[in-house]
N, C-alpha and C. Protein backbone atom coordinates (compact mmCIF):
# COMPACT_ATOMS: atom_id res chain seq x y z
N MET A 1 5.28 21.36 -38.90
CA MET A 1 6.01 22.07 -37.86
C MET A 1 5.37 23.43 -37.62
N HIS A 2 5.63 23.96 -36.44
CA HIS A 2 5.13 25.28 -36.10
C HIS A 2 6.20 25.98 -35.27
N GLY A 3 6.11 27.28 -35.19
CA GLY A 3 7.11 28.08 -34.49
C GLY A 3 6.84 28.16 -32.99
N ALA A 4 7.85 28.58 -32.25
CA ALA A 4 7.75 28.69 -30.79
C ALA A 4 6.67 29.68 -30.37
N ASP A 5 6.40 30.67 -31.20
CA ASP A 5 5.37 31.65 -30.85
C ASP A 5 3.96 31.09 -30.96
N GLU A 6 3.81 29.91 -31.58
CA GLU A 6 2.49 29.29 -31.74
C GLU A 6 2.22 28.21 -30.67
N LEU A 7 3.19 27.94 -29.83
CA LEU A 7 3.04 26.87 -28.85
C LEU A 7 1.99 27.21 -27.81
N PRO A 8 1.23 26.27 -27.31
CA PRO A 8 1.09 24.93 -27.85
C PRO A 8 0.11 24.92 -29.01
N TYR A 9 0.48 24.32 -30.05
CA TYR A 9 -0.35 24.22 -31.25
C TYR A 9 -1.51 23.27 -30.94
N SER A 10 -2.69 23.58 -31.40
CA SER A 10 -3.88 22.84 -30.99
C SER A 10 -3.89 21.38 -31.44
N ASP A 11 -3.20 21.04 -32.52
CA ASP A 11 -3.23 19.66 -33.03
C ASP A 11 -1.96 18.87 -32.72
N CYS A 12 -1.17 19.29 -31.73
CA CYS A 12 0.04 18.54 -31.39
C CYS A 12 0.09 18.30 -29.88
N THR A 13 1.19 17.77 -29.41
CA THR A 13 1.32 17.45 -27.98
C THR A 13 2.33 18.34 -27.27
N CYS A 14 2.74 19.42 -27.89
CA CYS A 14 3.76 20.29 -27.28
C CYS A 14 3.16 21.15 -26.16
N GLY A 15 4.02 21.75 -25.38
CA GLY A 15 3.58 22.63 -24.31
C GLY A 15 3.78 22.01 -22.94
N VAL A 16 3.43 22.77 -21.93
CA VAL A 16 3.53 22.33 -20.54
C VAL A 16 2.15 21.83 -20.11
N TYR A 17 2.10 20.61 -19.59
CA TYR A 17 0.83 20.01 -19.18
C TYR A 17 0.53 20.33 -17.72
N ALA A 18 -0.73 20.56 -17.42
CA ALA A 18 -1.16 20.83 -16.05
C ALA A 18 -2.55 20.25 -15.84
N ALA A 19 -2.75 19.60 -14.68
CA ALA A 19 -4.08 19.12 -14.30
C ALA A 19 -4.91 20.33 -13.84
N LYS A 20 -6.20 20.15 -13.68
CA LYS A 20 -7.09 21.25 -13.27
C LYS A 20 -6.72 21.78 -11.88
N ASN A 21 -6.38 20.86 -10.95
CA ASN A 21 -5.95 21.25 -9.60
C ASN A 21 -5.25 20.05 -8.96
N ILE A 22 -4.72 20.23 -7.77
CA ILE A 22 -3.94 19.16 -7.12
C ILE A 22 -4.82 17.95 -6.80
N GLU A 23 -6.07 18.17 -6.43
CA GLU A 23 -6.97 17.04 -6.18
C GLU A 23 -7.20 16.24 -7.45
N HIS A 24 -7.33 16.93 -8.56
CA HIS A 24 -7.50 16.26 -9.84
C HIS A 24 -6.26 15.44 -10.17
N LEU A 25 -5.08 15.97 -9.89
CA LEU A 25 -3.83 15.26 -10.13
C LEU A 25 -3.79 13.98 -9.30
N ARG A 26 -4.24 14.07 -8.05
CA ARG A 26 -4.29 12.88 -7.19
C ARG A 26 -5.26 11.85 -7.74
N GLN A 27 -6.41 12.30 -8.22
CA GLN A 27 -7.41 11.38 -8.77
C GLN A 27 -6.87 10.66 -10.00
N LEU A 28 -5.98 11.30 -10.74
CA LEU A 28 -5.39 10.68 -11.92
C LEU A 28 -4.27 9.70 -11.57
N GLY A 29 -3.93 9.61 -10.27
CA GLY A 29 -2.94 8.64 -9.82
C GLY A 29 -1.51 9.15 -9.78
N TYR A 30 -1.32 10.46 -9.81
CA TYR A 30 0.03 11.02 -9.82
C TYR A 30 0.50 11.50 -8.45
N GLU A 31 -0.23 11.18 -7.40
CA GLU A 31 0.04 11.72 -6.08
C GLU A 31 1.47 11.48 -5.61
N ARG A 32 2.02 10.31 -5.85
CA ARG A 32 3.35 9.99 -5.33
C ARG A 32 4.36 9.73 -6.46
N ARG A 33 4.18 10.38 -7.57
CA ARG A 33 5.10 10.22 -8.70
C ARG A 33 5.95 11.47 -8.88
N GLY A 34 7.07 11.50 -8.23
CA GLY A 34 7.99 12.61 -8.40
C GLY A 34 7.47 13.91 -7.81
N ILE A 35 8.04 15.00 -8.25
CA ILE A 35 7.67 16.32 -7.75
C ILE A 35 6.55 16.87 -8.60
N GLN A 36 5.48 17.29 -7.95
CA GLN A 36 4.39 17.96 -8.64
C GLN A 36 4.29 19.38 -8.12
N GLY A 37 3.39 20.12 -8.67
CA GLY A 37 3.20 21.47 -8.17
C GLY A 37 2.00 22.15 -8.78
N GLU A 38 1.65 23.27 -8.16
CA GLU A 38 0.67 24.17 -8.76
C GLU A 38 1.48 25.18 -9.56
N VAL A 39 0.96 25.52 -10.72
CA VAL A 39 1.73 26.39 -11.61
C VAL A 39 0.91 27.58 -12.08
N TYR A 40 1.63 28.64 -12.38
CA TYR A 40 1.04 29.77 -13.09
C TYR A 40 1.21 29.46 -14.57
N LEU A 41 0.15 29.61 -15.35
CA LEU A 41 0.20 29.35 -16.79
C LEU A 41 -0.05 30.66 -17.53
N TRP A 42 0.64 30.85 -18.64
CA TRP A 42 0.39 32.02 -19.48
C TRP A 42 0.85 31.75 -20.90
N GLY A 43 0.63 32.71 -21.75
CA GLY A 43 0.91 32.54 -23.17
C GLY A 43 -0.28 31.87 -23.82
N THR A 44 -0.03 31.09 -24.83
CA THR A 44 -1.10 30.35 -25.49
C THR A 44 -1.54 29.20 -24.59
N LEU A 45 -2.84 29.09 -24.34
CA LEU A 45 -3.39 28.03 -23.48
C LEU A 45 -4.38 27.19 -24.28
N VAL A 46 -4.34 25.89 -24.06
CA VAL A 46 -5.30 24.98 -24.67
C VAL A 46 -5.92 24.18 -23.54
N GLU A 47 -7.25 24.28 -23.39
CA GLU A 47 -7.93 23.52 -22.34
C GLU A 47 -8.35 22.17 -22.89
N HIS A 48 -8.15 21.14 -22.05
CA HIS A 48 -8.54 19.78 -22.40
C HIS A 48 -9.44 19.24 -21.29
N LYS A 49 -10.01 18.07 -21.55
CA LYS A 49 -10.89 17.44 -20.56
C LYS A 49 -10.14 17.18 -19.24
N LEU A 50 -8.87 16.80 -19.31
CA LEU A 50 -8.10 16.45 -18.12
C LEU A 50 -7.24 17.59 -17.60
N GLY A 51 -7.24 18.72 -18.24
CA GLY A 51 -6.41 19.83 -17.75
C GLY A 51 -6.06 20.83 -18.82
N TRP A 52 -4.82 21.30 -18.77
CA TRP A 52 -4.38 22.37 -19.65
C TRP A 52 -3.04 22.04 -20.29
N ARG A 53 -2.78 22.68 -21.44
CA ARG A 53 -1.44 22.76 -22.02
C ARG A 53 -1.18 24.24 -22.20
N ALA A 54 0.03 24.65 -21.83
CA ALA A 54 0.35 26.07 -21.89
C ALA A 54 1.68 26.30 -22.58
N GLN A 55 1.82 27.51 -23.08
CA GLN A 55 3.07 27.92 -23.70
C GLN A 55 4.15 28.13 -22.64
N PHE A 56 3.76 28.71 -21.49
CA PHE A 56 4.70 28.99 -20.41
C PHE A 56 4.09 28.58 -19.08
N ALA A 57 4.96 28.22 -18.13
CA ALA A 57 4.51 27.87 -16.78
C ALA A 57 5.62 28.19 -15.79
N TYR A 58 5.20 28.48 -14.55
CA TYR A 58 6.16 28.72 -13.47
C TYR A 58 5.55 28.19 -12.18
N PRO A 59 6.34 27.54 -11.31
CA PRO A 59 5.79 26.95 -10.09
C PRO A 59 5.24 27.98 -9.11
N LYS A 60 4.06 27.71 -8.61
CA LYS A 60 3.45 28.49 -7.53
C LYS A 60 3.74 27.80 -6.19
N SER A 61 3.60 26.47 -6.16
CA SER A 61 3.95 25.66 -4.98
C SER A 61 4.35 24.27 -5.48
N LEU A 62 5.20 23.60 -4.69
CA LEU A 62 5.72 22.29 -5.07
C LEU A 62 5.28 21.25 -4.05
N PHE A 63 5.00 20.04 -4.54
CA PHE A 63 4.53 18.94 -3.70
C PHE A 63 5.46 17.75 -3.89
N LEU A 64 6.07 17.30 -2.79
CA LEU A 64 7.04 16.21 -2.83
C LEU A 64 6.51 14.98 -2.11
N PRO A 65 6.64 13.80 -2.70
CA PRO A 65 6.36 12.60 -1.91
C PRO A 65 7.47 12.44 -0.89
N PRO A 66 7.20 11.83 0.27
CA PRO A 66 8.23 11.71 1.31
C PRO A 66 9.53 11.08 0.82
N ASP A 67 9.45 10.13 -0.12
CA ASP A 67 10.68 9.49 -0.58
C ASP A 67 11.50 10.37 -1.52
N ALA A 68 10.99 11.54 -1.89
CA ALA A 68 11.76 12.49 -2.70
C ALA A 68 12.63 13.38 -1.82
N ILE A 69 12.47 13.26 -0.50
CA ILE A 69 13.29 14.03 0.42
C ILE A 69 14.40 13.11 0.92
N PRO A 70 15.65 13.45 0.61
CA PRO A 70 16.77 12.57 0.99
C PRO A 70 16.87 12.38 2.51
N PHE A 71 17.69 11.40 2.92
CA PHE A 71 17.83 11.08 4.33
C PHE A 71 18.85 11.94 5.05
N THR A 72 19.93 12.33 4.38
CA THR A 72 20.97 13.09 5.08
C THR A 72 20.70 14.58 4.98
N LEU A 73 21.16 15.31 6.00
CA LEU A 73 20.95 16.76 6.01
C LEU A 73 21.63 17.44 4.84
N SER A 74 22.82 16.99 4.46
CA SER A 74 23.51 17.63 3.34
C SER A 74 22.75 17.42 2.04
N GLU A 75 22.18 16.22 1.85
CA GLU A 75 21.38 15.97 0.65
C GLU A 75 20.07 16.76 0.67
N ILE A 76 19.45 16.87 1.85
CA ILE A 76 18.23 17.68 1.98
C ILE A 76 18.55 19.13 1.62
N ASP A 77 19.65 19.65 2.15
CA ASP A 77 20.06 21.02 1.88
C ASP A 77 20.27 21.23 0.38
N SER A 78 20.95 20.29 -0.27
CA SER A 78 21.20 20.40 -1.70
C SER A 78 19.89 20.38 -2.50
N ARG A 79 19.00 19.45 -2.16
CA ARG A 79 17.71 19.36 -2.87
C ARG A 79 16.89 20.62 -2.66
N LEU A 80 16.85 21.11 -1.39
CA LEU A 80 16.05 22.30 -1.10
C LEU A 80 16.60 23.54 -1.81
N LYS A 81 17.92 23.68 -1.88
CA LYS A 81 18.49 24.83 -2.58
C LYS A 81 18.00 24.89 -4.02
N THR A 82 17.92 23.73 -4.64
CA THR A 82 17.43 23.67 -6.02
C THR A 82 15.97 24.09 -6.10
N LEU A 83 15.14 23.58 -5.18
CA LEU A 83 13.71 23.86 -5.23
C LEU A 83 13.38 25.27 -4.72
N ILE A 84 14.11 25.73 -3.71
CA ILE A 84 13.86 27.06 -3.14
C ILE A 84 14.11 28.16 -4.17
N ALA A 85 14.98 27.88 -5.12
CA ALA A 85 15.31 28.87 -6.15
C ALA A 85 14.07 29.31 -6.92
N PHE A 86 13.02 28.49 -6.94
CA PHE A 86 11.78 28.86 -7.64
C PHE A 86 10.94 29.85 -6.85
N GLY A 87 11.26 30.05 -5.57
CA GLY A 87 10.49 30.98 -4.75
C GLY A 87 9.08 30.50 -4.46
N ALA A 88 8.91 29.18 -4.36
CA ALA A 88 7.58 28.60 -4.13
C ALA A 88 7.55 27.90 -2.78
N ASP A 89 6.37 27.81 -2.18
CA ASP A 89 6.19 27.01 -0.97
C ASP A 89 6.35 25.54 -1.36
N ILE A 90 6.88 24.74 -0.42
CA ILE A 90 7.11 23.32 -0.68
C ILE A 90 6.31 22.51 0.35
N PHE A 91 5.57 21.53 -0.14
CA PHE A 91 4.74 20.68 0.69
C PHE A 91 5.18 19.23 0.56
N ILE A 92 4.98 18.44 1.63
CA ILE A 92 5.17 17.00 1.59
C ILE A 92 3.79 16.38 1.38
N VAL A 93 3.68 15.48 0.42
CA VAL A 93 2.41 14.81 0.16
C VAL A 93 2.28 13.69 1.18
N GLY A 94 1.37 13.86 2.14
CA GLY A 94 1.14 12.85 3.16
C GLY A 94 0.01 11.93 2.77
N ASP A 95 -0.48 11.18 3.72
CA ASP A 95 -1.61 10.29 3.46
C ASP A 95 -2.87 11.13 3.35
N GLN A 96 -3.33 11.33 2.12
CA GLN A 96 -4.53 12.10 1.81
C GLN A 96 -4.46 13.55 2.27
N GLU A 97 -3.25 14.07 2.49
CA GLU A 97 -3.09 15.45 2.90
C GLU A 97 -1.75 15.97 2.40
N SER A 98 -1.59 17.26 2.44
CA SER A 98 -0.30 17.87 2.12
C SER A 98 0.12 18.70 3.33
N VAL A 99 1.38 18.53 3.74
CA VAL A 99 1.90 19.21 4.92
C VAL A 99 2.98 20.19 4.45
N ARG A 100 2.85 21.46 4.87
CA ARG A 100 3.84 22.44 4.46
C ARG A 100 5.20 22.09 5.07
N PHE A 101 6.22 22.03 4.20
CA PHE A 101 7.58 21.71 4.62
C PHE A 101 8.46 22.97 4.61
N TRP A 102 8.24 23.83 3.63
CA TRP A 102 9.04 25.05 3.46
C TRP A 102 8.12 26.18 3.04
N LYS A 103 8.21 27.31 3.71
CA LYS A 103 7.43 28.49 3.33
C LYS A 103 8.39 29.51 2.73
N ASN A 104 8.08 29.95 1.53
CA ASN A 104 8.92 30.92 0.86
C ASN A 104 9.09 32.15 1.75
N ASP A 105 10.29 32.62 1.89
CA ASP A 105 10.66 33.79 2.70
C ASP A 105 10.63 33.55 4.21
N SER A 106 10.20 32.35 4.67
CA SER A 106 10.17 32.07 6.11
C SER A 106 11.03 30.88 6.49
N GLY A 107 11.19 29.90 5.61
CA GLY A 107 12.00 28.72 5.90
C GLY A 107 11.17 27.51 6.26
N PHE A 108 11.79 26.61 7.01
CA PHE A 108 11.13 25.36 7.38
C PHE A 108 9.87 25.61 8.19
N ASP A 109 8.87 24.76 7.97
CA ASP A 109 7.63 24.80 8.73
C ASP A 109 7.67 23.68 9.77
N ALA A 110 7.28 23.96 10.99
CA ALA A 110 7.34 22.99 12.08
C ALA A 110 6.51 21.74 11.77
N ALA A 111 5.34 21.91 11.18
CA ALA A 111 4.49 20.76 10.87
C ALA A 111 5.17 19.83 9.86
N GLY A 112 5.86 20.39 8.89
CA GLY A 112 6.57 19.59 7.90
C GLY A 112 7.74 18.84 8.50
N LEU A 113 8.47 19.52 9.38
CA LEU A 113 9.59 18.85 10.05
C LEU A 113 9.10 17.73 10.95
N ASP A 114 8.00 17.97 11.68
CA ASP A 114 7.41 16.93 12.53
C ASP A 114 6.99 15.72 11.69
N TYR A 115 6.36 15.98 10.54
CA TYR A 115 5.93 14.90 9.66
C TYR A 115 7.13 14.10 9.16
N LEU A 116 8.19 14.79 8.75
CA LEU A 116 9.39 14.13 8.25
C LEU A 116 10.04 13.28 9.34
N ILE A 117 10.13 13.80 10.54
CA ILE A 117 10.71 13.05 11.67
C ILE A 117 9.87 11.81 11.95
N LYS A 118 8.55 11.95 11.95
CA LYS A 118 7.66 10.82 12.20
C LYS A 118 7.84 9.73 11.15
N THR A 119 7.89 10.11 9.87
CA THR A 119 8.03 9.11 8.82
C THR A 119 9.40 8.44 8.86
N ARG A 120 10.44 9.20 9.22
CA ARG A 120 11.78 8.61 9.32
C ARG A 120 11.84 7.62 10.48
N LYS A 121 11.19 7.96 11.60
CA LYS A 121 11.15 7.05 12.75
C LYS A 121 10.44 5.76 12.36
N GLU A 122 9.31 5.86 11.67
CA GLU A 122 8.59 4.67 11.21
C GLU A 122 9.47 3.82 10.29
N TYR A 123 10.24 4.48 9.43
CA TYR A 123 11.15 3.78 8.54
C TYR A 123 12.17 2.97 9.33
N TYR A 124 12.78 3.60 10.33
CA TYR A 124 13.80 2.90 11.12
C TYR A 124 13.21 1.77 11.94
N VAL A 125 11.99 1.90 12.42
CA VAL A 125 11.34 0.81 13.14
C VAL A 125 11.11 -0.37 12.18
N ARG A 126 10.64 -0.07 10.95
CA ARG A 126 10.46 -1.12 9.95
C ARG A 126 11.78 -1.81 9.63
N ARG A 127 12.83 -1.01 9.44
CA ARG A 127 14.16 -1.57 9.13
C ARG A 127 14.64 -2.47 10.27
N GLN A 128 14.41 -2.07 11.51
CA GLN A 128 14.82 -2.88 12.65
C GLN A 128 14.08 -4.21 12.64
N GLN A 129 12.78 -4.17 12.33
CA GLN A 129 12.00 -5.40 12.26
C GLN A 129 12.50 -6.30 11.14
N GLU A 130 12.89 -5.68 10.02
CA GLU A 130 13.42 -6.45 8.90
C GLU A 130 14.74 -7.12 9.27
N ARG A 131 15.48 -6.54 10.20
CA ARG A 131 16.78 -7.08 10.60
C ARG A 131 16.67 -8.11 11.71
N THR A 132 15.46 -8.47 12.09
CA THR A 132 15.24 -9.49 13.09
C THR A 132 15.06 -10.83 12.38
N LEU A 133 15.85 -11.81 12.78
CA LEU A 133 15.77 -13.13 12.18
C LEU A 133 14.38 -13.72 12.43
N LYS A 134 13.77 -14.25 11.37
CA LYS A 134 12.43 -14.81 11.52
C LYS A 134 12.27 -16.05 10.63
N LYS A 135 11.20 -16.79 10.86
CA LYS A 135 10.92 -18.01 10.10
C LYS A 135 10.90 -17.69 8.61
N GLY A 136 11.58 -18.55 7.83
CA GLY A 136 11.63 -18.37 6.39
C GLY A 136 12.88 -17.64 5.90
N ASP A 137 13.59 -16.96 6.81
CA ASP A 137 14.83 -16.28 6.42
C ASP A 137 15.88 -17.31 6.02
N ARG A 138 16.83 -16.87 5.20
CA ARG A 138 17.95 -17.71 4.79
C ARG A 138 19.18 -17.35 5.62
N VAL A 139 19.98 -18.38 5.96
CA VAL A 139 21.22 -18.19 6.72
C VAL A 139 22.32 -18.95 5.99
N ALA A 140 23.42 -18.26 5.65
CA ALA A 140 24.57 -18.93 5.07
C ALA A 140 25.32 -19.62 6.21
N VAL A 141 25.48 -20.94 6.11
CA VAL A 141 26.12 -21.74 7.17
C VAL A 141 27.43 -22.28 6.61
N LEU A 142 28.55 -21.95 7.28
CA LEU A 142 29.88 -22.37 6.85
C LEU A 142 29.94 -23.88 6.61
N LYS A 143 30.43 -24.29 5.44
CA LYS A 143 30.64 -25.69 5.03
C LYS A 143 29.34 -26.49 4.90
N ARG A 144 28.19 -25.84 4.98
CA ARG A 144 26.92 -26.56 4.85
C ARG A 144 26.05 -26.01 3.72
N GLY A 145 26.14 -24.71 3.46
CA GLY A 145 25.32 -24.10 2.42
C GLY A 145 24.33 -23.10 3.00
N ILE A 146 23.23 -22.94 2.32
CA ILE A 146 22.20 -21.99 2.73
C ILE A 146 21.12 -22.75 3.49
N ALA A 147 20.86 -22.30 4.70
CA ALA A 147 19.83 -22.92 5.55
C ALA A 147 18.59 -22.03 5.56
N VAL A 148 17.45 -22.65 5.82
CA VAL A 148 16.19 -21.93 5.97
C VAL A 148 15.78 -22.00 7.43
N VAL A 149 15.41 -20.85 8.00
CA VAL A 149 15.01 -20.80 9.40
C VAL A 149 13.61 -21.40 9.53
N GLU A 150 13.51 -22.42 10.36
CA GLU A 150 12.24 -23.10 10.61
C GLU A 150 11.53 -22.51 11.82
N ARG A 151 12.31 -22.15 12.85
CA ARG A 151 11.72 -21.63 14.07
C ARG A 151 12.75 -20.76 14.78
N VAL A 152 12.27 -19.70 15.45
CA VAL A 152 13.15 -18.82 16.22
C VAL A 152 12.50 -18.58 17.58
N ASP A 153 13.29 -18.72 18.64
CA ASP A 153 12.82 -18.28 19.96
C ASP A 153 13.81 -17.25 20.47
N GLU A 154 13.74 -16.91 21.73
CA GLU A 154 14.59 -15.83 22.23
C GLU A 154 16.07 -16.19 22.33
N LYS A 155 16.41 -17.51 22.24
CA LYS A 155 17.82 -17.91 22.41
C LYS A 155 18.43 -18.59 21.19
N GLU A 156 17.62 -19.28 20.40
CA GLU A 156 18.19 -20.03 19.29
C GLU A 156 17.25 -20.08 18.09
N ALA A 157 17.87 -20.48 16.96
CA ALA A 157 17.12 -20.68 15.72
C ALA A 157 17.29 -22.12 15.28
N VAL A 158 16.21 -22.72 14.83
CA VAL A 158 16.27 -24.05 14.23
C VAL A 158 16.29 -23.84 12.73
N VAL A 159 17.35 -24.39 12.09
CA VAL A 159 17.52 -24.20 10.64
C VAL A 159 17.59 -25.56 9.95
N ILE A 160 17.22 -25.56 8.66
CA ILE A 160 17.25 -26.78 7.85
C ILE A 160 18.04 -26.48 6.58
N VAL A 161 19.01 -27.37 6.28
CA VAL A 161 19.78 -27.25 5.05
C VAL A 161 19.40 -28.41 4.15
N GLY A 162 18.94 -28.11 2.97
CA GLY A 162 18.65 -29.16 1.97
C GLY A 162 17.66 -30.20 2.41
N ASN A 163 16.66 -29.86 3.19
CA ASN A 163 15.59 -30.77 3.64
C ASN A 163 16.09 -31.96 4.45
N ARG A 164 17.38 -31.95 4.88
CA ARG A 164 17.86 -33.11 5.63
C ARG A 164 18.66 -32.76 6.88
N TRP A 165 19.45 -31.72 6.83
CA TRP A 165 20.30 -31.39 7.98
C TRP A 165 19.60 -30.33 8.82
N VAL A 166 19.29 -30.67 10.06
CA VAL A 166 18.61 -29.77 10.98
C VAL A 166 19.59 -29.42 12.10
N SER A 167 19.61 -28.14 12.45
CA SER A 167 20.52 -27.72 13.52
C SER A 167 19.89 -26.60 14.33
N LYS A 168 20.28 -26.57 15.60
CA LYS A 168 19.91 -25.45 16.47
C LYS A 168 21.14 -24.57 16.60
N ILE A 169 20.97 -23.30 16.31
CA ILE A 169 22.09 -22.35 16.35
C ILE A 169 21.75 -21.24 17.34
N PRO A 170 22.66 -20.94 18.28
CA PRO A 170 22.40 -19.82 19.19
C PRO A 170 22.25 -18.52 18.40
N LEU A 171 21.23 -17.72 18.73
CA LEU A 171 20.99 -16.46 18.02
C LEU A 171 22.19 -15.53 18.07
N LYS A 172 22.93 -15.56 19.18
CA LYS A 172 24.07 -14.65 19.33
C LYS A 172 25.17 -14.96 18.31
N ASP A 173 25.14 -16.18 17.71
CA ASP A 173 26.15 -16.58 16.74
C ASP A 173 25.73 -16.32 15.29
N ILE A 174 24.49 -15.92 15.07
CA ILE A 174 24.02 -15.60 13.72
C ILE A 174 24.11 -14.08 13.56
N VAL A 175 24.83 -13.65 12.54
CA VAL A 175 25.04 -12.21 12.34
C VAL A 175 24.52 -11.78 10.97
N LEU A 176 24.11 -10.54 10.91
CA LEU A 176 23.70 -9.95 9.64
C LEU A 176 24.94 -9.30 9.03
N SER A 177 25.42 -9.86 7.94
CA SER A 177 26.60 -9.33 7.27
C SER A 177 26.20 -8.13 6.42
N GLN A 178 26.71 -6.96 6.77
CA GLN A 178 26.42 -5.75 5.98
C GLN A 178 27.07 -5.86 4.61
N ARG A 179 28.26 -6.45 4.56
CA ARG A 179 28.99 -6.57 3.30
C ARG A 179 28.25 -7.48 2.33
N ASN A 180 27.73 -8.60 2.82
CA ASN A 180 27.05 -9.57 1.95
C ASN A 180 25.53 -9.44 1.96
N SER A 181 25.00 -8.56 2.81
CA SER A 181 23.55 -8.35 2.93
C SER A 181 22.80 -9.65 3.16
N ARG A 182 23.29 -10.43 4.12
CA ARG A 182 22.64 -11.70 4.43
C ARG A 182 22.96 -12.12 5.86
N TRP A 183 22.16 -13.07 6.36
CA TRP A 183 22.41 -13.67 7.67
C TRP A 183 23.51 -14.73 7.47
N GLU A 184 24.44 -14.81 8.44
CA GLU A 184 25.53 -15.78 8.33
C GLU A 184 25.80 -16.42 9.69
N TYR A 185 26.29 -17.68 9.62
CA TYR A 185 26.70 -18.41 10.82
C TYR A 185 28.04 -19.10 10.54
N GLY A 186 29.03 -18.80 11.39
CA GLY A 186 30.33 -19.44 11.26
C GLY A 186 31.17 -18.93 10.10
N ILE A 187 30.76 -17.83 9.47
CA ILE A 187 31.47 -17.31 8.30
C ILE A 187 32.25 -16.05 8.64
N SER A 188 31.55 -15.07 9.22
CA SER A 188 32.20 -13.79 9.52
C SER A 188 32.77 -13.80 10.92
N GLY A 189 33.88 -13.11 11.09
CA GLY A 189 34.50 -12.90 12.39
C GLY A 189 34.84 -14.18 13.06
């Protein structure tokens, strides 16, 4: 054992770990793993091949993957209050780039807000596509079981239950049940 004044001890794993720089952190595969940041290090320092271990550290800037930013404004506000308390600039880790989201003492950055809006729009477009009935989807059919969609056109879906029962169902009658998280016919409403 060793005392707190000796941290980080050269032959142990204690202390605060830091990569050489943000590019190095990305090269190590940590780009989209939680919140990262650039830090000020002080106290006892131990240099390693992959970075540093330090006795003390404090955030200089923070880097968030887009999925670390909540969807609702109240959740964003709550998350930002926690991070803003460090007095550091906050960036969103984009595709091979970092976009400033919050500037200490100035507030939101327009480029970061634009990036967040763009990624949210892409998310909703993907979700809408996922909610479109397509070949291979499953449909719960009242009194028949689970059917597999064989073909879909603009008016109807051809479904097969148990490799034997084939039916054409009007698309307007197939609904996505939010409660059951599935496509249904003749069950809801």
